[in-house]
Amino acid sequence: ARIDGATTWQLFWRIHVPLSVPALSSLAILLFLWTWNQFLLAVVLVDDPTKRTMAGALGAFQGQWGTDVPLLCAGSLLILTPTLLVFLIFQRQFVAALLQGSVKG
């Protein structure tokens, strides 16, 4: 591309970025999952219950003497749904990123 007269930015956007799309998409998926499932930081640092993450709010369902198991299961399914949707939508990019350096040829 440099021989054909491409500038540094054209080289970056037309060569490097398309090659790194699978790796960047897997990074985005893992970062989303890590942020969505943040539990300890939300429980320790956030005082206001309305500003907690979903996983931190699920911890509030557990009472001191008893736990409403059906409500806890319903909350777990609500937390799981966006994670599952993100993975199913970006499954091809995620698998391509995992296999990017393993196939010869």
C-alpha atoms as a PDB file:
ATOM      1  CA  ALA A   1       0.000   0.000   0.000  1.00  0.00           C
ATOM      2  CA  ARG A   2       2.911   2.312   0.723  1.00  0.00           C
ATOM      3  CA  ILE A   3       4.327   1.642  -2.769  1.00  0.00           C
ATOM      4  CA  ASP A   4       0.938   2.495  -4.311  1.00  0.00           C
ATOM      5  CA  GLY A   5       1.014   5.912  -2.627  1.00  0.00           C
ATOM      6  CA  ALA A   6      -1.086   5.344   0.510  1.00  0.00           C
ATOM      7  CA  THR A   7      -0.578   7.792   3.348  1.00  0.00           C
ATOM      8  CA  THR A   8      -0.064   6.703   6.930  1.00  0.00           C
ATOM      9  CA  TRP A   9      -3.752   7.142   7.787  1.00  0.00           C
ATOM     10  CA  GLN A  10      -4.898   5.259   4.686  1.00  0.00           C
ATOM     11  CA  LEU A  11      -2.507   2.464   5.587  1.00  0.00           C
ATOM     12  CA  PHE A  12      -3.928   2.408   9.093  1.00  0.00           C
ATOM     13  CA  TRP A  13      -7.624   2.472   8.116  1.00  0.00           C
ATOM     14  CA  ARG A  14      -7.442   0.184   5.070  1.00  0.00           C
ATOM     15  CA  ILE A  15      -4.862  -2.374   6.231  1.00  0.00           C
ATOM     16  CA  HIS A  16      -4.441  -2.446  10.007  1.00  0.00           C
ATOM     17  CA  VAL A  17      -8.001  -1.798  11.200  1.00  0.00           C
ATOM     18  CA  PRO A  18      -9.656  -4.512   9.045  1.00  0.00           C
ATOM     19  CA  LEU A  19      -7.069  -7.023  10.272  1.00  0.00           C
ATOM     20  CA  SER A  20      -7.742  -6.123  13.891  1.00  0.00           C
ATOM     21  CA  VAL A  21     -11.577  -6.110  13.751  1.00  0.00           C
ATOM     22  CA  PRO A  22     -11.943  -9.670  15.161  1.00  0.00           C
ATOM     23  CA  ALA A  23      -9.591  -8.920  18.047  1.00  0.00           C
ATOM     24  CA  LEU A  24     -11.283  -5.592  18.795  1.00  0.00           C
ATOM     25  CA  SER A  25     -14.740  -7.167  18.686  1.00  0.00           C
ATOM     26  CA  SER A  26     -13.733  -9.912  21.124  1.00  0.00           C
ATOM     27  CA  LEU A  27     -12.215  -7.262  23.380  1.00  0.00           C
ATOM     28  CA  ALA A  28     -15.468  -5.284  23.243  1.00  0.00           C
ATOM     29  CA  ILE A  29     -17.523  -8.391  24.090  1.00  0.00           C
ATOM     30  CA  LEU A  30     -15.312  -9.313  27.041  1.00  0.00           C
ATOM     31  CA  LEU A  31     -15.251  -5.715  28.300  1.00  0.00           C
ATOM     32  CA  PHE A  32     -19.045  -5.533  28.107  1.00  0.00           C
ATOM     33  CA  LEU A  33     -19.381  -8.810  30.028  1.00  0.00           C
ATOM     34  CA  TRP A  34     -16.868  -7.689  32.639  1.00  0.00           C
ATOM     35  CA  THR A  35     -18.633  -4.359  33.135  1.00  0.00           C
ATOM     36  CA  TRP A  36     -22.133  -5.867  33.136  1.00  0.00           C
ATOM     37  CA  ASN A  37     -21.268  -8.495  35.741  1.00  0.00           C
ATOM     38  CA  GLN A  38     -19.426  -6.103  38.048  1.00  0.00           C
ATOM     39  CA  PHE A  39     -20.516  -7.152  41.534  1.00  0.00           C
ATOM     40  CA  LEU A  40     -17.903  -6.402  44.177  1.00  0.00           C
ATOM     41  CA  LEU A  41     -17.130  -2.859  43.049  1.00  0.00           C
ATOM     42  CA  ALA A  42     -20.834  -1.994  42.848  1.00  0.00           C
ATOM     43  CA  VAL A  43     -21.573  -3.342  46.317  1.00  0.00           C
ATOM     44  CA  VAL A  44     -18.562  -1.786  48.040  1.00  0.00           C
ATOM     45  CA  LEU A  45     -18.294   1.646  46.415  1.00  0.00           C
ATOM     46  CA  VAL A  46     -21.856   2.594  45.472  1.00  0.00           C
ATOM     47  CA  ASP A  47     -24.046   3.671  48.385  1.00  0.00           C
ATOM     48  CA  ASP A  48     -27.183   4.518  46.414  1.00  0.00           C
ATOM     49  CA  PRO A  49     -29.101   1.312  45.529  1.00  0.00           C
ATOM     50  CA  THR A  50     -30.540   2.924  42.378  1.00  0.00           C
ATOM     51  CA  LYS A  51     -27.038   3.362  40.906  1.00  0.00           C
ATOM     52  CA  ARG A  52     -25.820  -0.202  41.402  1.00  0.00           C
ATOM     53  CA  THR A  53     -25.213  -2.597  38.558  1.00  0.00           C
ATOM     54  CA  MET A  54     -27.677  -5.418  37.931  1.00  0.00           C
ATOM     55  CA  ALA A  55     -25.470  -7.966  39.691  1.00  0.00           C
ATOM     56  CA  GLY A  56     -25.126  -5.659  42.683  1.00  0.00           C
ATOM     57  CA  ALA A  57     -28.891  -5.164  42.806  1.00  0.00           C
ATOM     58  CA  LEU A  58     -29.382  -8.925  42.704  1.00  0.00           C
ATOM     59  CA  GLY A  59     -27.382  -9.168  45.921  1.00  0.00           C
ATOM     60  CA  ALA A  60     -30.048  -6.982  47.584  1.00  0.00           C
ATOM     61  CA  PHE A  61     -32.669  -9.688  46.945  1.00  0.00           C
ATOM     62  CA  GLN A  62     -31.022 -11.922  49.512  1.00  0.00           C
ATOM     63  CA  GLY A  63     -32.451 -11.214  52.933  1.00  0.00           C
ATOM     64  CA  GLN A  64     -30.865 -11.708  56.334  1.00  0.00           C
ATOM     65  CA  TRP A  65     -33.027 -14.699  57.333  1.00  0.00           C
ATOM     66  CA  GLY A  66     -34.501 -15.879  54.060  1.00  0.00           C
ATOM     67  CA  THR A  67     -34.279 -15.665  50.315  1.00  0.00           C
ATOM     68  CA  ASP A  68     -37.102 -15.584  47.789  1.00  0.00           C
ATOM     69  CA  VAL A  69     -35.708 -18.191  45.383  1.00  0.00           C
ATOM     70  CA  PRO A  70     -38.170 -17.644  42.475  1.00  0.00           C
ATOM     71  CA  LEU A  71     -37.513 -13.896  42.563  1.00  0.00           C
ATOM     72  CA  LEU A  72     -33.763 -14.548  42.675  1.00  0.00           C
ATOM     73  CA  CYS A  73     -34.018 -16.881  39.660  1.00  0.00           C
ATOM     74  CA  ALA A  74     -36.087 -14.328  37.725  1.00  0.00           C
ATOM     75  CA  GLY A  75     -33.504 -11.640  38.467  1.00  0.00           C
ATOM     76  CA  SER A  76     -30.722 -13.959  37.348  1.00  0.00           C
ATOM     77  CA  LEU A  77     -32.504 -14.539  34.047  1.00  0.00           C
ATOM     78  CA  LEU A  78     -32.900 -10.785  33.554  1.00  0.00           C
ATOM     79  CA  ILE A  79     -29.180 -10.315  34.141  1.00  0.00           C
ATOM     80  CA  LEU A  80     -28.295 -13.187  31.816  1.00  0.00           C
ATOM     81  CA  THR A  81     -30.434 -12.012  28.874  1.00  0.00           C
ATOM     82  CA  PRO A  82     -28.321  -9.038  27.624  1.00  0.00           C
ATOM     83  CA  THR A  83     -25.122 -11.035  28.031  1.00  0.00           C
ATOM     84  CA  LEU A  84     -26.522 -13.907  26.014  1.00  0.00           C
ATOM     85  CA  LEU A  85     -27.852 -11.567  23.313  1.00  0.00           C
ATOM     86  CA  VAL A  86     -24.506  -9.819  22.929  1.00  0.00           C
ATOM     87  CA  PHE A  87     -22.703 -13.131  22.623  1.00  0.00           C
ATOM     88  CA  LEU A  88     -25.185 -14.543  20.110  1.00  0.00           C
ATOM     89  CA  ILE A  89     -25.034 -11.412  17.944  1.00  0.00           C
ATOM     90  CA  PHE A  90     -21.229 -11.253  17.914  1.00  0.00           C
ATOM     91  CA  GLN A  91     -20.518 -14.989  18.041  1.00  0.00           C
ATOM     92  CA  ARG A  92     -18.816 -15.125  14.629  1.00  0.00           C
ATOM     93  CA  GLN A  93     -16.466 -12.258  15.437  1.00  0.00           C
ATOM     94  CA  PHE A  94     -15.651 -13.775  18.816  1.00  0.00           C
ATOM     95  CA  VAL A  95     -14.806 -17.177  17.358  1.00  0.00           C
ATOM     96  CA  ALA A  96     -12.843 -15.574  14.515  1.00  0.00           C
ATOM     97  CA  ALA A  97     -10.775 -13.638  17.035  1.00  0.00           C
ATOM     98  CA  LEU A  98     -10.036 -16.785  19.020  1.00  0.00           C
ATOM     99  CA  LEU A  99      -8.958 -18.650  15.879  1.00  0.00           C
ATOM    100  CA  GLN A 100      -7.128 -15.742  14.237  1.00  0.00           C
ATOM    101  CA  GLY A 101      -3.578 -17.009  14.768  1.00  0.00           C
ATOM    102  CA  SER A 102      -4.243 -20.723  14.876  1.00  0.00           C
ATOM    103  CA  VAL A 103      -5.041 -21.539  11.228  1.00  0.00           C
ATOM    104  CA  LYS A 104      -2.072 -21.952   8.915  1.00  0.00           C
ATOM    105  CA  GLY A 105      -2.325 -20.860   5.310  1.00  0.00           C
END
